[in-house]
C-alpha atoms as a PDB file:
ATOM      1  CA  MET A   1     -42.167 -45.240  49.321  1.00  0.00           C
ATOM      2  CA  ALA A   2     -40.341 -44.350  52.868  1.00  0.00           C
ATOM      3  CA  VAL A   3     -36.367 -44.203  53.550  1.00  0.00           C
ATOM      4  CA  ALA A   4     -35.607 -47.277  55.961  1.00  0.00           C
ATOM      5  CA  ALA A   5     -34.230 -45.347  59.198  1.00  0.00           C
ATOM      6  CA  ASN A   6     -29.950 -44.744  59.498  1.00  0.00           C
ATOM      7  CA  THR A   7     -29.850 -44.641  56.228  1.00  0.00           C
ATOM      8  CA  VAL A   8     -26.906 -42.765  54.902  1.00  0.00           C
ATOM      9  CA  GLN A   9     -27.662 -39.908  52.368  1.00  0.00           C
ATOM     10  CA  THR A  10     -25.314 -36.779  50.766  1.00  0.00           C
ATOM     11  CA  PHE A  11     -27.871 -34.310  52.439  1.00  0.00           C
ATOM     12  CA  GLN A  12     -25.796 -35.897  56.269  1.00  0.00           C
ATOM     13  CA  GLN A  13     -22.680 -36.624  54.635  1.00  0.00           C
ATOM     14  CA  ILE A  14     -19.149 -35.425  55.448  1.00  0.00           C
ATOM     15  CA  GLY A  15     -16.332 -34.699  53.295  1.00  0.00           C
ATOM     16  CA  ILE A  16     -17.939 -35.315  50.019  1.00  0.00           C
ATOM     17  CA  ARG A  17     -14.845 -34.311  47.136  1.00  0.00           C
ATOM     18  CA  GLU A  18     -15.867 -30.899  45.094  1.00  0.00           C
ATOM     19  CA  ASP A  19     -16.129 -31.793  41.501  1.00  0.00           C
ATOM     20  CA  LEU A  20     -15.017 -28.246  39.633  1.00  0.00           C
ATOM     21  CA  ALA A  21     -14.708 -28.349  35.682  1.00  0.00           C
ATOM     22  CA  ASP A  22     -11.331 -27.342  34.722  1.00  0.00           C
ATOM     23  CA  VAL A  23     -12.789 -24.345  32.804  1.00  0.00           C
ATOM     24  CA  ILE A  24     -13.613 -20.847  33.537  1.00  0.00           C
ATOM     25  CA  THR A  25     -16.473 -19.941  30.890  1.00  0.00           C
ATOM     26  CA  ASN A  26     -16.251 -16.049  29.260  1.00  0.00           C
ATOM     27  CA  ILE A  27     -18.992 -15.305  26.415  1.00  0.00           C
ATOM     28  CA  MET A  28     -17.846 -11.414  26.592  1.00  0.00           C
ATOM     29  CA  PRO A  29     -16.903 -10.613  22.874  1.00  0.00           C
ATOM     30  CA  LEU A  30     -13.779  -8.971  21.729  1.00  0.00           C
ATOM     31  CA  GLU A  31     -14.897  -7.968  18.343  1.00  0.00           C
ATOM     32  CA  THR A  32     -13.403  -4.188  17.601  1.00  0.00           C
ATOM     33  CA  PRO A  33     -14.791  -3.160  13.844  1.00  0.00           C
ATOM     34  CA  LEU A  34     -13.260  -0.039  13.601  1.00  0.00           C
ATOM     35  CA  TYR A  35     -10.241  -1.362  15.130  1.00  0.00           C
ATOM     36  CA  SER A  36      -9.624  -4.123  12.984  1.00  0.00           C
ATOM     37  CA  PHE A  37     -10.450  -1.981   9.551  1.00  0.00           C
ATOM     38  CA  ALA A  38      -8.232   0.772  10.835  1.00  0.00           C
ATOM     39  CA  LYS A  39      -4.484   1.560   9.191  1.00  0.00           C
ATOM     40  CA  LYS A  40      -2.095   0.723  12.322  1.00  0.00           C
ATOM     41  CA  LYS A  41       0.633   3.743  12.503  1.00  0.00           C
ATOM     42  CA  LYS A  42       2.981   5.226  14.818  1.00  0.00           C
ATOM     43  CA  THR A  43       4.124   8.737  15.855  1.00  0.00           C
ATOM     44  CA  GLY A  44       5.826  10.631  17.828  1.00  0.00           C
ATOM     45  CA  SER A  45       4.016  13.479  18.923  1.00  0.00           C
ATOM     46  CA  ARG A  46       1.404  13.679  21.683  1.00  0.00           C
ATOM     47  CA  THR A  47      -1.050  15.561  18.808  1.00  0.00           C
ATOM     48  CA  PRO A  48      -0.075  14.023  15.493  1.00  0.00           C
ATOM     49  CA  GLU A  49      -0.960  15.663  12.389  1.00  0.00           C
ATOM     50  CA  TRP A  50      -1.862  14.748   9.325  1.00  0.00           C
ATOM     51  CA  MET A  51      -3.040  16.710   5.999  1.00  0.00           C
ATOM     52  CA  ARG A  52      -5.709  16.289   3.497  1.00  0.00           C
ATOM     53  CA  ASP A  53      -6.608  18.323   0.273  1.00  0.00           C
ATOM     54  CA  ILE A  54      -9.538  18.830  -2.011  1.00  0.00           C
ATOM     55  CA  ASP A  55      -9.138  19.811  -5.535  1.00  0.00           C
ATOM     56  CA  ALA A  56     -11.670  22.701  -7.308  1.00  0.00           C
ATOM     57  CA  ASP A  57     -15.412  22.311  -8.023  1.00  0.00           C
ATOM     58  CA  PRO A  58     -15.894  21.106 -12.003  1.00  0.00           C
ATOM     59  CA  ASP A  59     -16.517  24.928 -13.839  1.00  0.00           C
ATOM     60  CA  PRO A  60     -18.948  24.016 -17.158  1.00  0.00           C
ATOM     61  CA  THR A  61     -18.169  27.452 -18.326  1.00  0.00           C
ATOM     62  CA  ASN A  62     -14.399  27.434 -17.965  1.00  0.00           C
ATOM     63  CA  ALA A  63     -13.452  29.154 -21.267  1.00  0.00           C
ATOM     64  CA  ALA A  64     -10.824  31.856 -22.912  1.00  0.00           C
ATOM     65  CA  ILE A  65     -10.562  34.419 -25.527  1.00  0.00           C
ATOM     66  CA  GLU A  66      -8.303  32.859 -28.216  1.00  0.00           C
ATOM     67  CA  GLY A  67      -5.601  35.282 -28.409  1.00  0.00           C
ATOM     68  CA  ASP A  68      -6.131  36.217 -24.483  1.00  0.00           C
ATOM     69  CA  GLN A  69      -3.485  36.707 -21.735  1.00  0.00           C
ATOM     70  CA  VAL A  70      -4.289  34.515 -18.841  1.00  0.00           C
ATOM     71  CA  ALA A  71      -4.520  35.185 -15.293  1.00  0.00           C
ATOM     72  CA  ASN A  72      -3.008  32.580 -12.453  1.00  0.00           C
ATOM     73  CA  ASP A  73      -6.397  31.012 -11.692  1.00  0.00           C
ATOM     74  CA  ALA A  74      -6.383  30.953  -7.188  1.00  0.00           C
ATOM     75  CA  GLY A  75      -5.311  27.961  -4.968  1.00  0.00           C
ATOM     76  CA  THR A  76      -5.544  26.718  -1.753  1.00  0.00           C
ATOM     77  CA  GLN A  77      -3.221  24.613   0.299  1.00  0.00           C
ATOM     78  CA  PRO A  78      -3.732  21.472   2.006  1.00  0.00           C
ATOM     79  CA  GLU A  79      -5.955  20.945   4.852  1.00  0.00           C
ATOM     80  CA  ARG A  80      -4.182  20.197   8.547  1.00  0.00           C
ATOM     81  CA  LEU A  81      -5.999  18.400  11.176  1.00  0.00           C
ATOM     82  CA  LYS A  82      -4.780  16.737  14.276  1.00  0.00           C
ATOM     83  CA  ASN A  83      -5.710  14.605  17.103  1.00  0.00           C
ATOM     84  CA  ILE A  84      -4.544  14.116  20.872  1.00  0.00           C
ATOM     85  CA  VAL A  85      -3.315  10.717  21.580  1.00  0.00           C
ATOM     86  CA  GLN A  86      -5.478   9.312  24.968  1.00  0.00           C
ATOM     87  CA  LEU A  87      -3.385   7.024  27.330  1.00  0.00           C
ATOM     88  CA  PHE A  88      -5.329   3.632  28.165  1.00  0.00           C
ATOM     89  CA  ASP A  89      -4.337   1.744  31.138  1.00  0.00           C
ATOM     90  CA  LYS A  90      -5.449  -1.400  33.038  1.00  0.00           C
ATOM     91  CA  VAL A  91      -3.887  -2.524  36.295  1.00  0.00           C
ATOM     92  CA  ALA A  92      -3.628  -6.355  38.021  1.00  0.00           C
ATOM     93  CA  GLU A  93      -2.582  -6.555  41.721  1.00  0.00           C
ATOM     94  CA  VAL A  94      -1.903 -10.141  43.021  1.00  0.00           C
ATOM     95  CA  SER A  95      -1.255 -11.662  46.100  1.00  0.00           C
ATOM     96  CA  THR A  96       1.803 -13.918  46.582  1.00  0.00           C
ATOM     97  CA  THR A  97      -0.924 -16.463  47.995  1.00  0.00           C
ATOM     98  CA  ALA A  98      -3.241 -16.441  45.138  1.00  0.00           C
ATOM     99  CA  SER A  99      -0.268 -17.320  43.167  1.00  0.00           C
ATOM    100  CA  ALA A 100       0.813 -20.437  44.918  1.00  0.00           C
ATOM    101  CA  VAL A 101      -2.519 -21.562  45.334  1.00  0.00           C
ATOM    102  CA  ASN A 102      -3.994 -24.523  43.230  1.00  0.00           C
ATOM    103  CA  THR A 103      -6.093 -22.672  41.049  1.00  0.00           C
ATOM    104  CA  ALA A 104      -8.920 -24.597  38.516  1.00  0.00           C
ATOM    105  CA  GLY A 105      -9.239 -23.296  34.766  1.00  0.00           C
ATOM    106  CA  ARG A 106      -5.480 -21.307  34.696  1.00  0.00           C
ATOM    107  CA  ARG A 107      -2.371 -22.050  35.364  1.00  0.00           C
ATOM    108  CA  ASP A 108      -1.373 -18.745  36.874  1.00  0.00           C
ATOM    109  CA  GLU A 109      -2.889 -16.039  38.307  1.00  0.00           C
ATOM    110  CA  MET A 110      -1.491 -12.852  37.874  1.00  0.00           C
ATOM    111  CA  ASN A 111      -1.721 -14.147  33.656  1.00  0.00           C
ATOM    112  CA  PHE A 112      -5.117 -14.935  33.705  1.00  0.00           C
ATOM    113  CA  GLN A 113      -5.740 -11.208  34.246  1.00  0.00           C
ATOM    114  CA  VAL A 114      -3.462  -9.268  32.588  1.00  0.00           C
ATOM    115  CA  VAL A 115      -4.658 -11.403  29.441  1.00  0.00           C
ATOM    116  CA  LYS A 116      -8.500 -10.175  30.838  1.00  0.00           C
ATOM    117  CA  LYS A 117      -7.215  -6.466  30.852  1.00  0.00           C
ATOM    118  CA  GLY A 118      -5.525  -6.783  27.310  1.00  0.00           C
ATOM    119  CA  ARG A 119      -9.167  -7.568  26.622  1.00  0.00           C
ATOM    120  CA  GLU A 120     -10.779  -4.501  28.652  1.00  0.00           C
ATOM    121  CA  ILE A 121      -8.115  -2.109  26.778  1.00  0.00           C
ATOM    122  CA  LYS A 122      -9.728  -3.126  23.473  1.00  0.00           C
ATOM    123  CA  ARG A 123     -13.474  -2.679  24.548  1.00  0.00           C
ATOM    124  CA  ASP A 124     -12.315   0.405  25.851  1.00  0.00           C
ATOM    125  CA  MET A 125     -10.364   1.531  22.561  1.00  0.00           C
ATOM    126  CA  GLU A 126     -13.186   0.450  20.193  1.00  0.00           C
ATOM    127  CA  ALA A 127     -15.882   2.360  22.600  1.00  0.00           C
ATOM    128  CA  ARG A 128     -13.492   5.882  22.574  1.00  0.00           C
ATOM    129  CA  PHE A 129     -13.092   5.687  18.557  1.00  0.00           C
ATOM    130  CA  GLN A 130     -16.720   4.651  17.749  1.00  0.00           C
ATOM    131  CA  GLY A 131     -18.421   7.436  19.422  1.00  0.00           C
ATOM    132  CA  ASN A 132     -18.736  11.020  19.927  1.00  0.00           C
ATOM    133  CA  PHE A 133     -16.354  12.423  21.724  1.00  0.00           C
ATOM    134  CA  ALA A 134     -14.770  15.264  21.378  1.00  0.00           C
ATOM    135  CA  SER A 135     -10.604  15.138  21.690  1.00  0.00           C
ATOM    136  CA  ILE A 136      -9.160  17.302  24.608  1.00  0.00           C
ATOM    137  CA  THR A 137      -5.519  18.242  24.963  1.00  0.00           C
ATOM    138  CA  GLY A 138      -5.370  17.413  28.983  1.00  0.00           C
ATOM    139  CA  ASN A 139      -2.403  19.053  31.689  1.00  0.00           C
ATOM    140  CA  THR A 140      -0.627  18.621  34.215  1.00  0.00           C
ATOM    141  CA  GLY A 141      -3.616  17.461  36.109  1.00  0.00           C
ATOM    142  CA  ALA A 142      -5.591  16.481  33.714  1.00  0.00           C
ATOM    143  CA  ALA A 143      -5.675  13.221  30.714  1.00  0.00           C
ATOM    144  CA  GLY A 144      -5.703  13.988  27.170  1.00  0.00           C
ATOM    145  CA  PHE A 145      -8.778  12.574  25.222  1.00  0.00           C
ATOM    146  CA  ALA A 146      -8.863  11.154  21.843  1.00  0.00           C
ATOM    147  CA  ALA A 147     -12.369  12.559  19.552  1.00  0.00           C
ATOM    148  CA  GLY A 148     -14.138   9.471  18.668  1.00  0.00           C
ATOM    149  CA  ALA A 149     -15.182   8.892  14.501  1.00  0.00           C
ATOM    150  CA  GLU A 150     -18.940  10.549  15.171  1.00  0.00           C
ATOM    151  CA  ALA A 151     -17.300  13.880  16.022  1.00  0.00           C
ATOM    152  CA  TYR A 152     -15.178  14.193  13.209  1.00  0.00           C
ATOM    153  CA  LEU A 153     -18.143  13.747  10.213  1.00  0.00           C
ATOM    154  CA  THR A 154     -19.667  16.794   9.441  1.00  0.00           C
ATOM    155  CA  SER A 155     -19.996  16.622   5.746  1.00  0.00           C
ATOM    156  CA  ASN A 156     -22.854  13.297   4.218  1.00  0.00           C
ATOM    157  CA  VAL A 157     -24.577  13.694   7.871  1.00  0.00           C
ATOM    158  CA  SER A 158     -28.225  13.406   8.250  1.00  0.00           C
ATOM    159  CA  ARG A 159     -29.453  14.243  11.424  1.00  0.00           C
ATOM    160  CA  GLY A 160     -32.937  15.139  14.174  1.00  0.00           C
ATOM    161  CA  ALA A 161     -34.285  18.236  14.947  1.00  0.00           C
ATOM    162  CA  THR A 162     -31.478  20.030  17.008  1.00  0.00           C
ATOM    163  CA  GLY A 163     -28.927  17.699  15.489  1.00  0.00           C
ATOM    164  CA  ALA A 164     -25.328  19.976  15.406  1.00  0.00           C
ATOM    165  CA  ASN A 165     -22.662  19.025  13.625  1.00  0.00           C
ATOM    166  CA  GLY A 166     -19.074  19.011  15.416  1.00  0.00           C
ATOM    167  CA  GLY A 167     -15.838  18.695  13.504  1.00  0.00           C
ATOM    168  CA  PHE A 168     -11.641  19.945  13.539  1.00  0.00           C
ATOM    169  CA  ASN A 169     -11.677  23.701  14.402  1.00  0.00           C
ATOM    170  CA  SER A 170      -8.293  24.649  12.576  1.00  0.00           C
ATOM    171  CA  GLY A 171      -8.738  27.959  15.285  1.00  0.00           C
ATOM    172  CA  THR A 172      -8.261  25.505  18.486  1.00  0.00           C
ATOM    173  CA  GLY A 173      -6.816  22.317  16.867  1.00  0.00           C
ATOM    174  CA  LEU A 174      -9.632  20.450  18.399  1.00  0.00           C
ATOM    175  CA  ILE A 175     -12.226  18.535  17.493  1.00  0.00           C
ATOM    176  CA  ALA A 176     -16.160  19.062  18.692  1.00  0.00           C
ATOM    177  CA  ALA A 177     -18.124  16.572  19.478  1.00  0.00           C
ATOM    178  CA  ALA A 178     -21.491  16.617  17.311  1.00  0.00           C
ATOM    179  CA  THR A 179     -24.569  17.744  19.311  1.00  0.00           C
ATOM    180  CA  ASP A 180     -27.319  14.790  19.688  1.00  0.00           C
ATOM    181  CA  GLY A 181     -30.142  15.893  17.967  1.00  0.00           C
ATOM    182  CA  THR A 182     -34.669  14.465  18.149  1.00  0.00           C
ATOM    183  CA  LEU A 183     -34.685  10.599  17.669  1.00  0.00           C
ATOM    184  CA  ARG A 184     -36.702  10.001  14.553  1.00  0.00           C
ATOM    185  CA  VAL A 185     -37.232   6.086  13.285  1.00  0.00           C
ATOM    186  CA  ILE A 186     -34.652   5.588  10.357  1.00  0.00           C
ATOM    187  CA  THR A 187     -35.660   4.884   7.003  1.00  0.00           C
ATOM    188  CA  GLU A 188     -34.265   3.562   3.607  1.00  0.00           C
ATOM    189  CA  GLY A 189     -34.101   7.061   2.026  1.00  0.00           C
ATOM    190  CA  MET A 190     -32.617   8.414   4.546  1.00  0.00           C
ATOM    191  CA  PHE A 191     -29.931   5.925   4.765  1.00  0.00           C
ATOM    192  CA  LYS A 192     -30.251   6.478   0.474  1.00  0.00           C
ATOM    193  CA  ASP A 193     -29.604   9.404   1.047  1.00  0.00           C
ATOM    194  CA  VAL A 194     -25.933  10.010   2.847  1.00  0.00           C
ATOM    195  CA  VAL A 195     -24.992   6.865   0.541  1.00  0.00           C
ATOM    196  CA  ALA A 196     -25.469   8.997  -2.411  1.00  0.00           C
ATOM    197  CA  GLN A 197     -23.651  12.407  -0.394  1.00  0.00           C
ATOM    198  CA  THR A 198     -20.706   9.600   0.688  1.00  0.00           C
ATOM    199  CA  TRP A 199     -20.432   8.745  -2.615  1.00  0.00           C
ATOM    200  CA  ILE A 200     -20.332  11.962  -4.281  1.00  0.00           C
ATOM    201  CA  ASN A 201     -17.637  13.080  -2.132  1.00  0.00           C
ATOM    202  CA  GLY A 202     -15.300  10.012  -2.823  1.00  0.00           C
ATOM    203  CA  GLY A 203     -16.548   7.241  -0.935  1.00  0.00           C
ATOM    204  CA  GLU A 204     -17.130   3.854  -2.417  1.00  0.00           C
ATOM    205  CA  ASP A 205     -18.287   0.209  -0.917  1.00  0.00           C
ATOM    206  CA  THR A 206     -18.387   1.714   2.639  1.00  0.00           C
ATOM    207  CA  THR A 207     -18.989  -0.182   5.648  1.00  0.00           C
ATOM    208  CA  VAL A 208     -22.374   0.376   7.406  1.00  0.00           C
ATOM    209  CA  LEU A 209     -21.771   0.209  11.540  1.00  0.00           C
ATOM    210  CA  CYS A 210     -24.941   0.028  13.588  1.00  0.00           C
ATOM    211  CA  GLY A 211     -26.230  -0.911  16.759  1.00  0.00           C
ATOM    212  CA  PRO A 212     -27.937  -4.454  17.291  1.00  0.00           C
ATOM    213  CA  TYR A 213     -31.003  -3.569  17.072  1.00  0.00           C
ATOM    214  CA  MET A 214     -30.470  -0.896  14.689  1.00  0.00           C
ATOM    215  CA  LYS A 215     -29.611  -4.058  12.766  1.00  0.00           C
ATOM    216  CA  GLN A 216     -32.481  -5.783  12.673  1.00  0.00           C
ATOM    217  CA  LYS A 217     -34.748  -3.183  11.926  1.00  0.00           C
ATOM    218  CA  ILE A 218     -32.767  -2.510   7.931  1.00  0.00           C
ATOM    219  CA  SER A 219     -33.127  -6.182   8.123  1.00  0.00           C
ATOM    220  CA  SER A 220     -37.108  -5.847   8.659  1.00  0.00           C
ATOM    221  CA  SER A 221     -37.293  -2.562   7.080  1.00  0.00           C
ATOM    222  CA  PHE A 222     -35.129  -1.914   4.157  1.00  0.00           C
ATOM    223  CA  THR A 223     -36.838  -3.745   0.862  1.00  0.00           C
ATOM    224  CA  GLY A 224     -35.020  -2.274  -1.889  1.00  0.00           C
ATOM    225  CA  ILE A 225     -36.235  -3.552  -4.770  1.00  0.00           C
ATOM    226  CA  ALA A 226     -35.383  -6.954  -4.196  1.00  0.00           C
ATOM    227  CA  THR A 227     -38.268  -9.932  -3.560  1.00  0.00           C
ATOM    228  CA  GLN A 228     -37.252 -11.994   0.211  1.00  0.00           C
ATOM    229  CA  PHE A 229     -36.831 -15.737  -1.112  1.00  0.00           C
ATOM    230  CA  ASN A 230     -36.166 -18.834   1.162  1.00  0.00           C
ATOM    231  CA  ALA A 231     -33.057 -20.644   0.062  1.00  0.00           C
ATOM    232  CA  ILE A 232     -33.119 -23.855  -0.605  1.00  0.00           C
ATOM    233  CA  SER A 233     -30.315 -26.468  -0.362  1.00  0.00           C
ATOM    234  CA  GLY A 234     -28.522 -29.608   0.183  1.00  0.00           C
ATOM    235  CA  LYS A 235     -30.058 -33.297  -0.539  1.00  0.00           C
ATOM    236  CA  ASN A 236     -32.195 -32.805   2.779  1.00  0.00           C
ATOM    237  CA  GLU A 237     -33.485 -29.579   0.548  1.00  0.00           C
ATOM    238  CA  ARG A 238     -33.194 -27.740   4.049  1.00  0.00           C
ATOM    239  CA  VAL A 239     -34.530 -24.080   4.199  1.00  0.00           C
ATOM    240  CA  THR A 240     -32.606 -21.113   4.649  1.00  0.00           C
ATOM    241  CA  ILE A 241     -35.147 -18.200   5.919  1.00  0.00           C
ATOM    242  CA  GLN A 242     -33.630 -15.435   4.192  1.00  0.00           C
ATOM    243  CA  GLY A 243     -33.669 -12.175   7.298  1.00  0.00           C
ATOM    244  CA  GLY A 244     -30.760 -10.364   7.215  1.00  0.00           C
ATOM    245  CA  ILE A 245     -29.425  -8.057   5.388  1.00  0.00           C
ATOM    246  CA  ASP A 246     -25.367  -8.432   5.484  1.00  0.00           C
ATOM    247  CA  ILE A 247     -24.715  -6.579   1.707  1.00  0.00           C
ATOM    248  CA  TYR A 248     -26.535  -3.755   0.551  1.00  0.00           C
ATOM    249  CA  LYS A 249     -25.946  -3.332  -2.849  1.00  0.00           C
ATOM    250  CA  SER A 250     -26.973   0.885  -4.270  1.00  0.00           C
ATOM    251  CA  ASP A 251     -26.519   2.398  -6.766  1.00  0.00           C
ATOM    252  CA  PHE A 252     -23.279   3.324  -5.849  1.00  0.00           C
ATOM    253  CA  GLY A 253     -21.661  -0.029  -4.517  1.00  0.00           C
ATOM    254  CA  VAL A 254     -21.234  -2.516  -2.439  1.00  0.00           C
ATOM    255  CA  HIS A 255     -21.835  -1.585   1.069  1.00  0.00           C
ATOM    256  CA  LYS A 256     -21.313  -4.509   4.010  1.00  0.00           C
ATOM    257  CA  ILE A 257     -23.742  -4.101   6.963  1.00  0.00           C
ATOM    258  CA  MET A 258     -22.138  -5.026  10.164  1.00  0.00           C
ATOM    259  CA  PRO A 259     -23.311  -5.179  13.979  1.00  0.00           C
ATOM    260  CA  THR A 260     -21.193  -3.487  16.657  1.00  0.00           C
ATOM    261  CA  ARG A 261     -21.703  -3.906  19.993  1.00  0.00           C
ATOM    262  CA  LEU A 262     -19.945  -1.016  20.977  1.00  0.00           C
ATOM    263  CA  GLY A 263     -21.420   1.783  19.361  1.00  0.00           C
ATOM    264  CA  SER A 264     -23.365   4.795  19.920  1.00  0.00           C
ATOM    265  CA  TYR A 265     -21.624   6.104  23.005  1.00  0.00           C
ATOM    266  CA  GLY A 266     -20.947   9.782  23.591  1.00  0.00           C
ATOM    267  CA  ALA A 267     -20.202  12.494  26.326  1.00  0.00           C
ATOM    268  CA  GLY A 268     -24.034  12.884  27.752  1.00  0.00           C
ATOM    269  CA  ARG A 269     -25.149   9.627  26.774  1.00  0.00           C
ATOM    270  CA  THR A 270     -26.658   7.189  28.985  1.00  0.00           C
ATOM    271  CA  ARG A 271     -25.619   4.489  27.070  1.00  0.00           C
ATOM    272  CA  PRO A 272     -24.611   1.074  29.286  1.00  0.00           C
ATOM    273  CA  TYR A 273     -23.126  -2.226  27.526  1.00  0.00           C
ATOM    274  CA  ARG A 274     -26.344  -3.755  28.110  1.00  0.00           C
ATOM    275  CA  PRO A 275     -29.270  -1.871  27.333  1.00  0.00           C
ATOM    276  CA  VAL A 276     -32.209  -3.174  28.419  1.00  0.00           C
ATOM    277  CA  THR A 277     -34.439  -0.487  28.542  1.00  0.00           C
ATOM    278  CA  THR A 278     -35.932   0.973  25.975  1.00  0.00           C
ATOM    279  CA  VAL A 279     -34.342   4.403  26.667  1.00  0.00           C
ATOM    280  CA  ASP A 280     -31.103   2.773  27.256  1.00  0.00           C
ATOM    281  CA  LYS A 281     -31.677   0.620  23.490  1.00  0.00           C
ATOM    282  CA  ASP A 282     -32.419   3.811  21.493  1.00  0.00           C
ATOM    283  CA  THR A 283     -29.036   5.457  22.683  1.00  0.00           C
ATOM    284  CA  ALA A 284     -27.158   2.587  21.874  1.00  0.00           C
ATOM    285  CA  ASN A 285     -28.745   1.706  18.320  1.00  0.00           C
ATOM    286  CA  ARG A 286     -28.901   5.497  17.634  1.00  0.00           C
ATOM    287  CA  SER A 287     -26.111   6.325  15.371  1.00  0.00           C
ATOM    288  CA  VAL A 288     -25.411   4.639  11.761  1.00  0.00           C
ATOM    289  CA  LEU A 289     -22.009   5.123  10.850  1.00  0.00           C
ATOM    290  CA  VAL A 290     -20.990   4.648   6.728  1.00  0.00           C
ATOM    291  CA  ILE A 291     -17.255   4.480   6.982  1.00  0.00           C
ATOM    292  CA  SER A 292     -14.595   3.726   4.278  1.00  0.00           C
ATOM    293  CA  PRO A 293     -12.367   1.648   5.871  1.00  0.00           C
ATOM    294  CA  ASP A 294      -9.377   3.284   4.305  1.00  0.00           C
ATOM    295  CA  THR A 295      -9.573   6.552   5.438  1.00  0.00           C
ATOM    296  CA  TRP A 296      -9.334   5.354   9.159  1.00  0.00           C
ATOM    297  CA  ALA A 297      -5.907   4.793  11.017  1.00  0.00           C
ATOM    298  CA  VAL A 298      -5.134   3.939  15.194  1.00  0.00           C
ATOM    299  CA  VAL A 299      -2.104   5.380  15.470  1.00  0.00           C
ATOM    300  CA  ALA A 300       0.043   4.977  18.126  1.00  0.00           C
ATOM    301  CA  LEU A 301       2.784   7.017  20.419  1.00  0.00           C
ATOM    302  CA  GLN A 302       3.065   3.890  22.702  1.00  0.00           C
ATOM    303  CA  PRO A 303       1.844   0.602  21.451  1.00  0.00           C
ATOM    304  CA  MET A 304       0.412  -1.860  23.579  1.00  0.00           C
ATOM    305  CA  LYS A 305       2.924  -2.769  26.332  1.00  0.00           C
ATOM    306  CA  GLN A 306       2.784  -4.883  29.572  1.00  0.00           C
ATOM    307  CA  ASP A 307       4.933  -3.078  32.877  1.00  0.00           C
ATOM    308  CA  GLN A 308       5.989  -4.784  35.928  1.00  0.00           C
ATOM    309  CA  LEU A 309       5.220  -2.452  38.782  1.00  0.00           C
ATOM    310  CA  ALA A 310       7.257  -1.428  41.920  1.00  0.00           C
ATOM    311  CA  LYS A 311       6.576  -4.302  44.536  1.00  0.00           C
ATOM    312  CA  LEU A 312       5.362  -3.306  47.492  1.00  0.00           C
ATOM    313  CA  GLY A 313       4.500  -6.298  50.276  1.00  0.00           C
ATOM    314  CA  HIS A 314       2.718  -9.439  49.313  1.00  0.00           C
ATOM    315  CA  SER A 315       1.774  -8.581  46.123  1.00  0.00           C
ATOM    316  CA  GLU A 316       2.133  -8.436  42.418  1.00  0.00           C
ATOM    317  CA  ARG A 317       1.192  -5.599  39.847  1.00  0.00           C
ATOM    318  CA  ARG A 318       1.381  -5.577  36.034  1.00  0.00           C
ATOM    319  CA  MET A 319       0.272  -2.600  34.266  1.00  0.00           C
ATOM    320  CA  LEU A 320      -0.897  -2.838  30.408  1.00  0.00           C
ATOM    321  CA  SER A 321      -1.782   0.486  28.514  1.00  0.00           C
ATOM    322  CA  THR A 322      -1.023   2.162  24.817  1.00  0.00           C
ATOM    323  CA  GLU A 323      -1.213   5.289  24.241  1.00  0.00           C
ATOM    324  CA  CYS A 324      -2.657   5.922  20.467  1.00  0.00           C
ATOM    325  CA  THR A 325      -5.504   8.241  18.849  1.00  0.00           C
ATOM    326  CA  LEU A 326      -7.683   7.871  15.806  1.00  0.00           C
ATOM    327  CA  GLU A 327      -6.820   9.454  12.447  1.00  0.00           C
ATOM    328  CA  CYS A 328      -9.757   9.996  10.077  1.00  0.00           C
ATOM    329  CA  LEU A 329      -7.658  11.144   6.575  1.00  0.00           C
ATOM    330  CA  GLU A 330     -10.582  12.483   4.800  1.00  0.00           C
ATOM    331  CA  GLU A 331     -14.309  12.222   6.577  1.00  0.00           C
ATOM    332  CA  ARG A 332     -15.964  13.809   2.941  1.00  0.00           C
ATOM    333  CA  ALA A 333     -15.465   9.757   2.402  1.00  0.00           C
ATOM    334  CA  ASN A 334     -17.617   8.859   5.497  1.00  0.00           C
ATOM    335  CA  GLY A 335     -21.226   9.344   6.323  1.00  0.00           C
ATOM    336  CA  ILE A 336     -23.547   9.417   9.530  1.00  0.00           C
ATOM    337  CA  LEU A 337     -27.484   8.547   9.943  1.00  0.00           C
ATOM    338  CA  ALA A 338     -27.492  10.347  13.531  1.00  0.00           C
ATOM    339  CA  ASP A 339     -30.460  10.423  15.832  1.00  0.00           C
ATOM    340  CA  VAL A 340     -32.321   7.259  14.771  1.00  0.00           C
ATOM    341  CA  LYS A 341     -34.261   4.795  16.336  1.00  0.00           C
ATOM    342  CA  VAL A 342     -35.566   1.463  15.696  1.00  0.00           C
ATOM    343  CA  ALA A 343     -39.258   2.564  16.052  1.00  0.00           C
END
């Protein structure tokens, strides 16, 4: 059917009001698992320190002769460790005009930007703290950097060929990053071995942090001793297909399997936040952390704060910042499956 001549249509109409929703959708996730379960502490130093100790190994030949004179047993002193605080910041600048106009989805542009920057800093911290990063002291012209969890772990590890531990060096007072090895497909046997090592050294009921594709691999290939079932619930007998593993009960406790979007960052790794290629996905899922949550702490020299920066013209500037580091109180209670892939 043809449109009659001189019919007014929206394609030529002038003055149609815009219809802009007063909502801004932002689906950027905010989960920061390591930061969330770590203890929160304060420090007065750029290089906060702590100590750890361990008893001598059991000696089943410990026997003394009746009436013998006793000799002193060798003793050890606690080990002293430290990490470097890292100064995280984000700056927002908004013109006075941008603050004056009517905006959709937010009442105040500066407040909107400040909230965004705060979320971004937390993600920056989580990516650093989970990652394979060395500690760097810094100097008058260079920033200091905190070591990440992967760099700490040296006791309960499974690494690919050519992989090597990093760890704390008492001579330099710094934590070195681990050396990445050759990727290999993860197996339940590898996982169970690290869990057993961790338990022997004192870690119990650990939390497992892994990438999203690694989480799926664990769910599909870790069979344990169980047979998978479908759960039927409700009067309508709805079927829930059990396709994921959230809790793994080993011989040494119950382990919570948690996917993380911010794991496996590290110096020398190409690791975009949203991996697309196979290489990117392998990198983003190459590390599985077996964590005892009560052995980790985030230590702040400067807690998160907001400062109003000097006004230089027709704009306003705000800076969010925090200066903190990650402490691993006892790395022997934690483990890592490094250099793993899903296929």
